[in-house]
Amino acid sequence: MKTLRMTLCAAALSVACAANAAEVEVLHWWTSGGEAKAAGELKKMLEAKGDKWKDFAVAGGAGDNAMTALKTRVVSGNPPAAAQVKGPAIQEWGDQGVLANIDDVANKENWNKVLPAVVQNTMKYQGHYVAAPVNVHRVNWLWVNPDLLKKANAKVPTTWDEFFKTAEALQKAGVQPVAYGGQPWQDATVFEDVVLGTGGAAFFKKSFVDLDQASLKSPTMIKSLETYKKIKPFTDKNAAGRDWNLATAMVINGKAGMQFMGDWAKGEFLAAGKVPGKDFVCVPTPGSAKSYTFNIDSFIFFKLKNADGAKGQNDLAETLVSPDFQQIFNLNKGSIPVRLDADMSKFDDCGKQSAKDFAADNKSGTLVPSFAHGMAMHSATQGAMYDVISQFWNDDNMTAQQAAAKLAAAAKVN
C-alpha cells in the first residue's frame, strides 16, 4: 500500500511538473553537422531547467527560408518563443513592436559586464535587451597551406604587397595561389577583407555602417576595389559558383595555397584531421591584424500571451549566454564564445588567437560588423552592394571609379 501511495504521489508530481513546464518553440537553421549537435545540447540544457523544447528547424538558404517562415508566423499573430536572427534585422523586428524585453535576465547574468559594448548594442532595441548572442565568428581570416608556401619559397603574407608576392611565387611554382568561390556573398567577404586591410577599421565603419557617401566614393575605396580586382588573376577558371567548402578543400588537399574565409572554414580542416599551426595556418587577412570583422549568431524573443512562455524564454536566454553552453556550442561550430570571460583552454590555437584578438579589438574599438554577413546594414542595401561587387569582379570593362560610384548608389537602397 505504501508503494502504491508513493507511485501515485510521484505520478501526481509528474503531472504537476508537466503542467508547469514552459513550452519553448525555437526557430533556427542549425540542421547539419556540429550545428545540429549544438542544438541538441541546447535542448538538453533547457529541459534540465524544467522547460519543454519545441523544435522549429528550417533548413537551407543560410537562414533565408527560416526568415520566410518566421514572417508568416508573426503576421498570423502566432510567433515562436524565440528565433535565430542577427545584425540589423534585430532592429527591424524591434520596429514592428513584437519583441519581448529580456532585461531581467541580462541584469541577473551581468551581460553588461561580460559582453563587449558593440555586441550589447546589437542585442538591444531602444536600450533594452531583446536578443541573446551565441557566438562570434571572425570573418577576416586567411587560411594557408604551409607546405605549398614552403615549396614556393614564399612566406605567409601580412600586407597586401606581401600577399601578391606570395601569390606570384606560388604561381611560378605551379601552385594555384588562391582558392576562390565565385558567389555573391563570397565576393563580398573577400572585398570587405580588402577594404579593412586597406582603409582600416574607422574607414570600414564609415563606409559600411554609416554608409557615408564620401567614403564610398573616396580614393581609399577606389584603391580597395583595384586591390580586390588584382586578386582575380590568381584564382582559377572554375571559381564561378564554387561553394566555399569546396574552395577550402582545395587548400586542405594541396590544390591551392590560400583562401579568404571566416572561421567556419576551420571545421573543414579539423574534420579532415588537419592540425592548426602544422597542417594549416590561420592569420588575419593582409593589413587587418589590428581589427576584427565579426559575425554573430543570436536569438530574438517575441512577446507571448502566457506567463509560462515568458518563463521559458528567460530560461532560454540565460542558457544561451551561459559559460557552459557557450563553450559546448563554439567547440562544435568553429567560432568562439561571445563572453569576454570565456575559458578558452579547450579551444585550438586558431580559436585562442581569435579570442585574444577579439578582446584586444574590443578595447581598442576596432571590432567591426561584417557587412558581407548581414551584421552592418539593411538586407536590401546589402543585396545591392553584393550586385555591384560581383559585377565589378566579373566585368573586365568596369573601372574602380565606376564601381565606387555604384557602391555609393547602393548605399541608398533600403
Protein backbone atom coordinates (compact mmCIF):
# COMPACT_ATOMS: atom_id res chain seq x y z
CA MET A 1 0.00 0.00 0.00
CA LYS A 2 2.88 2.36 0.89
CA THR A 3 4.47 1.63 -2.52
CA LEU A 4 1.17 2.36 -4.27
CA ARG A 5 0.81 5.70 -2.43
CA MET A 6 4.37 6.63 -3.39
CA THR A 7 3.69 5.72 -7.01
CA LEU A 8 0.52 7.80 -7.08
CA CYS A 9 2.33 10.76 -5.49
CA ALA A 10 5.13 10.50 -7.98
CA ALA A 11 2.61 10.38 -10.81
CA ALA A 12 0.80 13.42 -9.43
CA LEU A 13 4.07 15.30 -9.10
CA SER A 14 4.98 14.41 -12.67
CA VAL A 15 1.65 15.73 -13.95
CA ALA A 16 2.09 18.93 -11.95
CA CYS A 17 5.59 19.43 -13.35
CA ALA A 18 4.34 18.79 -16.87
CA ALA A 19 1.54 21.29 -16.35
CA ASN A 20 4.02 23.96 -15.21
CA ALA A 21 6.68 23.19 -17.80
CA ALA A 22 7.05 26.03 -20.26
CA GLU A 23 6.96 25.03 -23.90
CA VAL A 24 9.62 26.99 -25.75
CA GLU A 25 9.29 26.94 -29.51
CA VAL A 26 12.62 27.84 -31.11
CA LEU A 27 13.08 28.68 -34.80
CA HIS A 28 16.61 28.04 -36.08
CA TRP A 29 18.55 26.77 -39.08
CA TRP A 30 21.05 24.59 -37.22
CA THR A 31 20.23 21.45 -39.15
CA SER A 32 23.54 19.83 -40.06
CA GLY A 33 26.83 18.67 -38.57
CA GLY A 34 28.15 20.36 -35.49
CA GLU A 35 25.32 22.90 -35.51
CA ALA A 36 22.68 20.19 -35.15
CA LYS A 37 24.71 18.66 -32.34
CA ALA A 38 24.87 22.03 -30.61
CA ALA A 39 21.11 22.48 -30.99
CA GLY A 40 20.66 19.11 -29.29
CA GLU A 41 22.85 20.25 -26.39
CA LEU A 42 20.80 23.44 -26.08
CA LYS A 43 17.59 21.41 -25.92
CA LYS A 44 19.08 19.18 -23.22
CA MET A 45 20.23 22.15 -21.10
CA LEU A 46 16.90 23.96 -21.44
CA GLU A 47 14.87 20.90 -20.50
CA ALA A 48 17.10 20.44 -17.44
CA LYS A 49 15.54 23.70 -16.22
CA GLY A 50 12.09 22.09 -16.40
CA ASP A 51 11.04 23.54 -19.75
CA LYS A 52 9.93 21.74 -22.90
CA TRP A 53 11.79 22.38 -26.15
CA LYS A 54 9.64 22.59 -29.28
CA ASP A 55 11.84 22.42 -32.36
CA PHE A 56 11.11 24.73 -35.30
CA ALA A 57 14.08 23.94 -37.55
CA VAL A 58 14.06 25.31 -41.10
CA ALA A 59 16.87 24.05 -43.30
CA GLY A 60 18.50 25.72 -46.27
CA GLY A 61 19.25 29.15 -47.64
CA ALA A 62 21.61 30.23 -44.84
CA GLY A 63 18.56 31.38 -42.89
CA ASP A 64 16.56 32.81 -45.81
CA ASN A 65 13.99 30.02 -45.64
CA ALA A 66 13.76 30.43 -41.88
CA MET A 67 13.04 34.16 -42.20
CA THR A 68 10.24 33.49 -44.68
CA ALA A 69 8.67 31.01 -42.26
CA LEU A 70 9.11 33.43 -39.36
CA LYS A 71 7.39 36.32 -41.13
CA THR A 72 4.41 34.10 -41.89
CA ARG A 73 4.07 33.11 -38.23
CA VAL A 74 4.44 36.64 -36.87
CA VAL A 75 1.96 38.12 -39.36
CA SER A 76 -0.58 35.47 -38.33
CA GLY A 77 -0.19 36.52 -34.68
CA ASN A 78 1.42 33.26 -33.64
CA PRO A 79 5.17 33.85 -33.26
CA PRO A 80 7.54 31.27 -31.80
CA ALA A 81 9.09 31.99 -28.40
CA ALA A 82 12.47 32.66 -29.98
CA ALA A 83 14.02 32.84 -33.43
CA GLN A 84 17.55 32.87 -34.81
CA VAL A 85 18.08 36.39 -36.21
CA LYS A 86 21.15 38.60 -36.45
CA GLY A 87 22.51 42.08 -37.02
CA PRO A 88 20.29 44.96 -38.14
CA ALA A 89 17.39 42.53 -38.59
CA ILE A 90 17.04 42.65 -34.79
CA GLN A 91 16.28 46.37 -35.03
CA GLU A 92 13.88 45.78 -37.92
CA TRP A 93 11.88 43.32 -35.81
CA GLY A 94 12.02 45.77 -32.90
CA ASP A 95 10.40 48.41 -35.11
CA GLN A 96 7.45 46.05 -35.56
CA GLY A 97 6.73 46.19 -31.83
CA VAL A 98 6.71 42.39 -31.46
CA LEU A 99 9.84 41.75 -29.36
CA ALA A 100 9.95 40.92 -25.66
CA ASN A 101 12.19 42.70 -23.14
CA ILE A 102 14.71 40.34 -21.51
CA ASP A 103 16.50 42.93 -19.35
CA ASP A 104 15.74 40.92 -16.19
CA VAL A 105 17.87 38.02 -17.43
CA ALA A 106 20.60 40.31 -18.74
CA ASN A 107 20.84 42.16 -15.41
CA LYS A 108 20.80 38.95 -13.38
CA GLU A 109 23.56 37.43 -15.52
CA ASN A 110 25.64 40.65 -15.76
CA TRP A 111 25.60 40.77 -19.56
CA ASN A 112 26.77 44.39 -19.48
CA LYS A 113 29.99 43.19 -17.85
CA VAL A 114 30.70 40.01 -19.81
CA LEU A 115 29.66 41.13 -23.32
CA PRO A 116 31.59 43.66 -25.44
CA ALA A 117 29.81 47.00 -25.87
CA VAL A 118 29.41 46.53 -29.63
CA VAL A 119 27.68 43.19 -29.00
CA GLN A 120 25.45 44.69 -26.31
CA ASN A 121 24.33 47.40 -28.71
CA THR A 122 23.50 44.84 -31.39
CA MET A 123 21.37 42.82 -28.95
CA LYS A 124 19.38 45.84 -27.70
CA TYR A 125 16.43 47.73 -29.12
CA GLN A 126 15.90 51.25 -27.79
CA GLY A 127 18.24 50.50 -24.89
CA HIS A 128 16.65 47.18 -23.84
CA TYR A 129 17.87 43.65 -24.46
CA VAL A 130 15.61 41.80 -26.89
CA ALA A 131 18.14 39.24 -28.14
CA ALA A 132 20.78 36.88 -26.77
CA PRO A 133 24.11 36.29 -28.56
CA VAL A 134 25.51 32.81 -29.03
CA ASN A 135 28.95 33.17 -30.59
CA VAL A 136 31.45 35.22 -32.51
CA HIS A 137 32.73 34.25 -35.95
CA ARG A 138 35.82 36.09 -37.12
CA VAL A 139 35.42 36.77 -40.82
CA ASN A 140 38.81 38.32 -41.69
CA TRP A 141 40.86 35.10 -41.71
CA LEU A 142 43.31 33.93 -44.35
CA TRP A 143 43.80 30.14 -44.44
CA VAL A 144 47.17 28.94 -45.69
CA ASN A 145 48.71 25.62 -46.70
CA PRO A 146 52.28 25.97 -45.30
CA ASP A 147 53.69 23.05 -47.29
CA LEU A 148 52.77 24.76 -50.56
CA LEU A 149 54.31 28.04 -49.42
CA LYS A 150 57.47 26.18 -48.49
CA LYS A 151 57.53 24.60 -51.95
CA ALA A 152 57.33 28.09 -53.49
CA ASN A 153 59.84 29.55 -51.01
CA ALA A 154 57.17 32.09 -50.03
CA LYS A 155 56.07 33.46 -46.67
CA VAL A 156 52.69 33.88 -45.01
CA PRO A 157 51.60 37.41 -46.02
CA THR A 158 50.73 40.14 -43.54
CA THR A 159 50.35 43.05 -46.02
CA TRP A 160 48.82 43.32 -49.49
CA ASP A 161 52.25 43.78 -51.07
CA GLU A 162 53.41 40.57 -49.39
CA PHE A 163 50.20 38.81 -50.45
CA PHE A 164 50.78 39.48 -54.13
CA LYS A 165 54.45 38.48 -53.87
CA THR A 166 53.41 35.19 -52.26
CA ALA A 167 50.70 34.66 -54.89
CA GLU A 168 53.23 35.24 -57.69
CA ALA A 169 55.71 32.84 -56.09
CA LEU A 170 53.04 30.14 -55.81
CA GLN A 171 52.00 30.66 -59.41
CA LYS A 172 55.61 30.37 -60.64
CA ALA A 173 55.96 27.14 -58.63
CA GLY A 174 52.96 25.68 -60.47
CA VAL A 175 50.62 26.04 -57.49
CA GLN A 176 47.14 27.61 -57.64
CA PRO A 177 47.61 30.68 -55.37
CA VAL A 178 44.02 31.37 -54.24
CA ALA A 179 41.07 29.04 -53.70
CA TYR A 180 38.05 31.19 -54.58
CA GLY A 181 34.31 30.66 -54.61
CA GLY A 182 32.57 32.99 -57.05
CA GLN A 183 29.27 33.52 -55.27
CA PRO A 184 27.93 36.98 -54.28
CA TRP A 185 28.40 36.52 -50.53
CA GLN A 186 31.92 35.16 -51.05
CA ASP A 187 32.79 38.04 -53.38
CA ALA A 188 31.61 40.43 -50.66
CA THR A 189 33.57 38.57 -47.98
CA VAL A 190 36.85 38.92 -49.86
CA PHE A 191 36.10 42.53 -50.81
CA GLU A 192 35.41 43.60 -47.22
CA ASP A 193 38.70 41.93 -46.22
CA VAL A 194 40.47 44.13 -48.76
CA VAL A 195 38.70 47.29 -47.57
CA LEU A 196 39.55 46.53 -43.93
CA GLY A 197 43.20 45.89 -44.76
CA THR A 198 43.44 48.95 -46.97
CA GLY A 199 41.48 51.59 -45.10
CA GLY A 200 41.38 50.30 -41.52
CA ALA A 201 38.51 49.84 -39.06
CA ALA A 202 37.42 53.51 -38.91
CA PHE A 203 37.14 53.72 -42.71
CA PHE A 204 35.31 50.38 -42.79
CA LYS A 205 32.73 51.68 -40.30
CA LYS A 206 32.27 54.93 -42.22
CA SER A 207 31.70 53.00 -45.44
CA PHE A 208 29.60 50.02 -44.40
CA VAL A 209 27.94 51.01 -41.12
CA ASP A 210 27.43 54.75 -41.60
CA LEU A 211 27.09 54.31 -45.40
CA ASP A 212 28.96 57.58 -45.80
CA GLN A 213 28.82 58.75 -49.41
CA ALA A 214 32.21 60.47 -49.34
CA SER A 215 33.92 57.32 -48.03
CA LEU A 216 32.25 55.06 -50.57
CA LYS A 217 33.44 57.30 -53.43
CA SER A 218 36.86 58.06 -51.91
CA PRO A 219 40.35 57.31 -53.26
CA THR A 220 40.68 54.71 -50.46
CA MET A 221 37.61 52.85 -51.73
CA ILE A 222 38.89 53.07 -55.31
CA LYS A 223 42.25 51.67 -54.18
CA SER A 224 40.41 48.86 -52.33
CA LEU A 225 38.49 47.98 -55.48
CA GLU A 226 41.68 47.96 -57.56
CA THR A 227 43.42 45.72 -55.00
CA TYR A 228 40.42 43.38 -54.93
CA LYS A 229 40.47 43.03 -58.72
CA LYS A 230 44.22 42.26 -58.63
CA ILE A 231 43.38 39.01 -56.82
CA LYS A 232 41.43 37.63 -59.77
CA PRO A 233 44.41 36.51 -61.92
CA PHE A 234 45.47 34.30 -59.01
CA THR A 235 42.14 32.41 -58.98
CA ASP A 236 41.24 29.55 -61.33
CA LYS A 237 38.81 29.47 -64.25
CA ASN A 238 36.44 27.14 -62.35
CA ALA A 239 35.90 29.55 -59.45
CA ALA A 240 32.47 30.81 -60.60
CA GLY A 241 29.70 29.36 -58.45
CA ARG A 242 32.04 27.23 -56.32
CA ASP A 243 30.80 26.59 -52.78
CA TRP A 244 33.04 27.87 -50.00
CA ASN A 245 33.72 24.42 -48.56
CA LEU A 246 34.93 23.15 -51.93
CA ALA A 247 37.36 26.07 -52.04
CA THR A 248 38.52 25.17 -48.53
CA ALA A 249 39.04 21.59 -49.69
CA MET A 250 41.45 22.88 -52.34
CA VAL A 251 43.70 24.26 -49.59
CA ILE A 252 43.28 21.13 -47.47
CA ASN A 253 44.18 18.83 -50.37
CA GLY A 254 47.18 20.83 -51.56
CA LYS A 255 45.44 22.13 -54.69
CA ALA A 256 45.65 25.82 -53.67
CA GLY A 257 47.80 27.85 -51.32
CA MET A 258 45.39 30.31 -49.66
CA GLN A 259 41.73 31.08 -49.03
CA PHE A 260 39.90 34.11 -47.63
CA MET A 261 37.09 32.82 -45.39
CA GLY A 262 35.58 33.11 -41.93
CA ASP A 263 36.44 30.70 -39.14
CA TRP A 264 33.72 28.22 -40.12
CA ALA A 265 36.37 27.04 -42.62
CA LYS A 266 38.34 25.70 -39.68
CA GLY A 267 35.73 22.98 -39.20
CA GLU A 268 36.61 21.61 -42.65
CA PHE A 269 40.31 21.44 -41.79
CA LEU A 270 39.62 19.77 -38.45
CA ALA A 271 37.19 17.28 -39.98
CA ALA A 272 39.97 16.32 -42.41
CA GLY A 273 42.26 15.58 -39.47
CA LYS A 274 44.44 18.64 -40.01
CA VAL A 275 46.26 20.34 -37.12
CA PRO A 276 46.35 24.16 -36.75
CA GLY A 277 49.87 25.55 -36.97
CA LYS A 278 51.18 22.40 -38.58
CA ASP A 279 48.99 21.35 -41.50
CA PHE A 280 47.34 24.72 -41.95
CA VAL A 281 47.90 28.28 -40.78
CA CYS A 282 45.25 30.85 -39.82
CA VAL A 283 46.25 34.52 -39.93
CA PRO A 284 44.32 37.79 -40.18
CA THR A 285 43.81 38.87 -43.78
CA PRO A 286 46.52 41.24 -45.09
CA GLY A 287 46.66 44.56 -43.26
CA SER A 288 43.88 43.65 -40.81
CA ALA A 289 45.80 42.23 -37.83
CA LYS A 290 44.70 45.13 -35.61
CA SER A 291 41.00 44.83 -36.43
CA TYR A 292 38.32 42.18 -36.43
CA THR A 293 35.21 41.70 -38.59
CA PHE A 294 32.60 39.78 -36.64
CA ASN A 295 29.51 37.75 -37.47
CA ILE A 296 27.30 36.85 -34.50
CA ASP A 297 24.52 34.27 -34.27
CA SER A 298 21.76 35.38 -31.91
CA PHE A 299 18.16 34.76 -30.92
CA ILE A 300 15.36 37.32 -30.59
CA PHE A 301 12.42 36.81 -28.24
CA PHE A 302 8.80 37.55 -29.11
CA LYS A 303 6.02 38.89 -26.92
CA LEU A 304 3.87 35.93 -25.82
CA LYS A 305 0.40 35.80 -24.31
CA ASN A 306 1.11 33.41 -21.41
CA ALA A 307 3.37 33.77 -18.38
CA ASP A 308 4.75 30.23 -18.67
CA GLY A 309 6.03 31.09 -22.13
CA ALA A 310 7.86 34.13 -20.77
CA LYS A 311 9.45 31.97 -18.08
CA GLY A 312 10.71 29.58 -20.75
CA GLN A 313 12.10 32.47 -22.80
CA ASN A 314 14.07 33.71 -19.82
CA ASP A 315 15.46 30.24 -19.23
CA LEU A 316 16.48 30.00 -22.88
CA ALA A 317 18.16 33.43 -22.85
CA GLU A 318 20.05 32.55 -19.68
CA THR A 319 21.17 29.22 -21.16
CA LEU A 320 22.34 30.72 -24.47
CA VAL A 321 24.79 33.10 -22.81
CA SER A 322 25.83 30.71 -20.02
CA PRO A 323 29.53 29.74 -19.92
CA ASP A 324 28.70 26.04 -20.33
CA PHE A 325 26.62 26.40 -23.48
CA GLN A 326 28.95 29.00 -24.97
CA GLN A 327 31.80 26.50 -24.72
CA ILE A 328 29.88 23.46 -25.97
CA PHE A 329 28.36 25.31 -28.91
CA ASN A 330 31.50 27.04 -30.09
CA LEU A 331 33.73 23.98 -29.83
CA ASN A 332 31.30 22.37 -32.28
CA LYS A 333 30.82 25.41 -34.53
CA GLY A 334 34.39 26.63 -35.04
CA SER A 335 33.56 30.06 -33.63
CA ILE A 336 34.43 31.45 -30.18
CA PRO A 337 32.31 32.37 -27.15
CA VAL A 338 30.90 35.89 -27.15
CA ARG A 339 31.71 36.27 -23.45
CA LEU A 340 34.90 38.14 -22.65
CA ASP A 341 35.45 35.91 -19.59
CA ALA A 342 35.24 32.61 -21.50
CA ASP A 343 37.52 29.69 -20.64
CA MET A 344 39.47 29.02 -23.86
CA SER A 345 41.63 26.15 -22.56
CA LYS A 346 39.84 23.51 -24.67
CA PHE A 347 40.00 25.53 -27.89
CA ASP A 348 42.64 25.09 -30.61
CA ASP A 349 45.30 27.67 -31.49
CA CYS A 350 43.12 29.45 -34.06
CA GLY A 351 40.30 29.78 -31.52
CA LYS A 352 42.64 31.05 -28.83
CA GLN A 353 44.12 33.64 -31.20
CA SER A 354 40.65 34.73 -32.24
CA ALA A 355 39.58 35.20 -28.62
CA LYS A 356 42.75 37.12 -27.80
CA ASP A 357 42.27 39.44 -30.78
CA PHE A 358 38.55 39.81 -30.04
CA ALA A 359 39.32 41.08 -26.53
CA ALA A 360 42.09 43.39 -27.76
CA ASP A 361 39.96 44.85 -30.56
CA ASN A 362 37.09 45.34 -28.13
CA LYS A 363 39.38 47.53 -26.01
CA SER A 364 40.76 49.45 -28.98
CA GLY A 365 37.39 49.99 -30.64
CA THR A 366 38.38 48.07 -33.77
CA LEU A 367 35.68 45.39 -33.70
CA VAL A 368 33.62 45.94 -36.85
CA PRO A 369 30.44 44.21 -38.05
CA SER A 370 30.77 42.19 -41.25
CA PHE A 371 28.58 43.72 -43.93
CA ALA A 372 29.07 40.61 -46.10
CA HIS A 373 27.38 38.53 -43.39
CA GLY A 374 24.42 40.70 -42.55
CA MET A 375 25.79 42.48 -39.48
CA ALA A 376 26.14 46.07 -40.72
CA MET A 377 23.27 47.21 -42.90
CA HIS A 378 19.69 46.61 -44.08
CA SER A 379 19.34 43.44 -46.16
CA ALA A 380 18.20 45.38 -49.24
CA THR A 381 21.29 47.61 -49.06
CA GLN A 382 23.49 44.57 -48.60
CA GLY A 383 21.96 42.90 -51.65
CA ALA A 384 22.54 45.99 -53.78
CA MET A 385 26.19 46.09 -52.71
CA TYR A 386 26.56 42.37 -53.44
CA ASP A 387 25.42 43.08 -57.00
CA VAL A 388 27.99 45.85 -57.51
CA ILE A 389 30.89 43.84 -56.11
CA SER A 390 30.12 40.72 -58.15
CA GLN A 391 29.57 42.80 -61.28
CA PHE A 392 32.93 44.52 -60.81
CA TRP A 393 34.69 41.18 -60.23
CA ASN A 394 33.22 39.67 -63.38
CA ASP A 395 33.24 42.67 -65.73
CA ASP A 396 36.71 43.50 -67.04
CA ASN A 397 35.40 46.72 -68.57
CA MET A 398 34.10 48.26 -65.34
CA THR A 399 36.55 50.67 -63.71
CA ALA A 400 37.14 51.01 -59.98
CA GLN A 401 35.80 54.58 -60.18
CA GLN A 402 32.56 53.34 -61.74
CA ALA A 403 32.25 50.61 -59.12
CA ALA A 404 32.79 53.10 -56.29
CA ALA A 405 30.01 55.30 -57.66
CA LYS A 406 27.72 52.27 -57.86
CA LEU A 407 28.55 51.32 -54.26
CA ALA A 408 27.56 54.83 -53.15
CA ALA A 409 24.26 54.47 -55.03
CA ALA A 410 23.71 51.02 -53.49
CA ALA A 411 24.07 52.56 -50.02
CA LYS A 412 20.85 54.49 -50.65
CA VAL A 413 18.81 51.32 -51.28
CA ASN A 414 16.68 50.21 -48.31
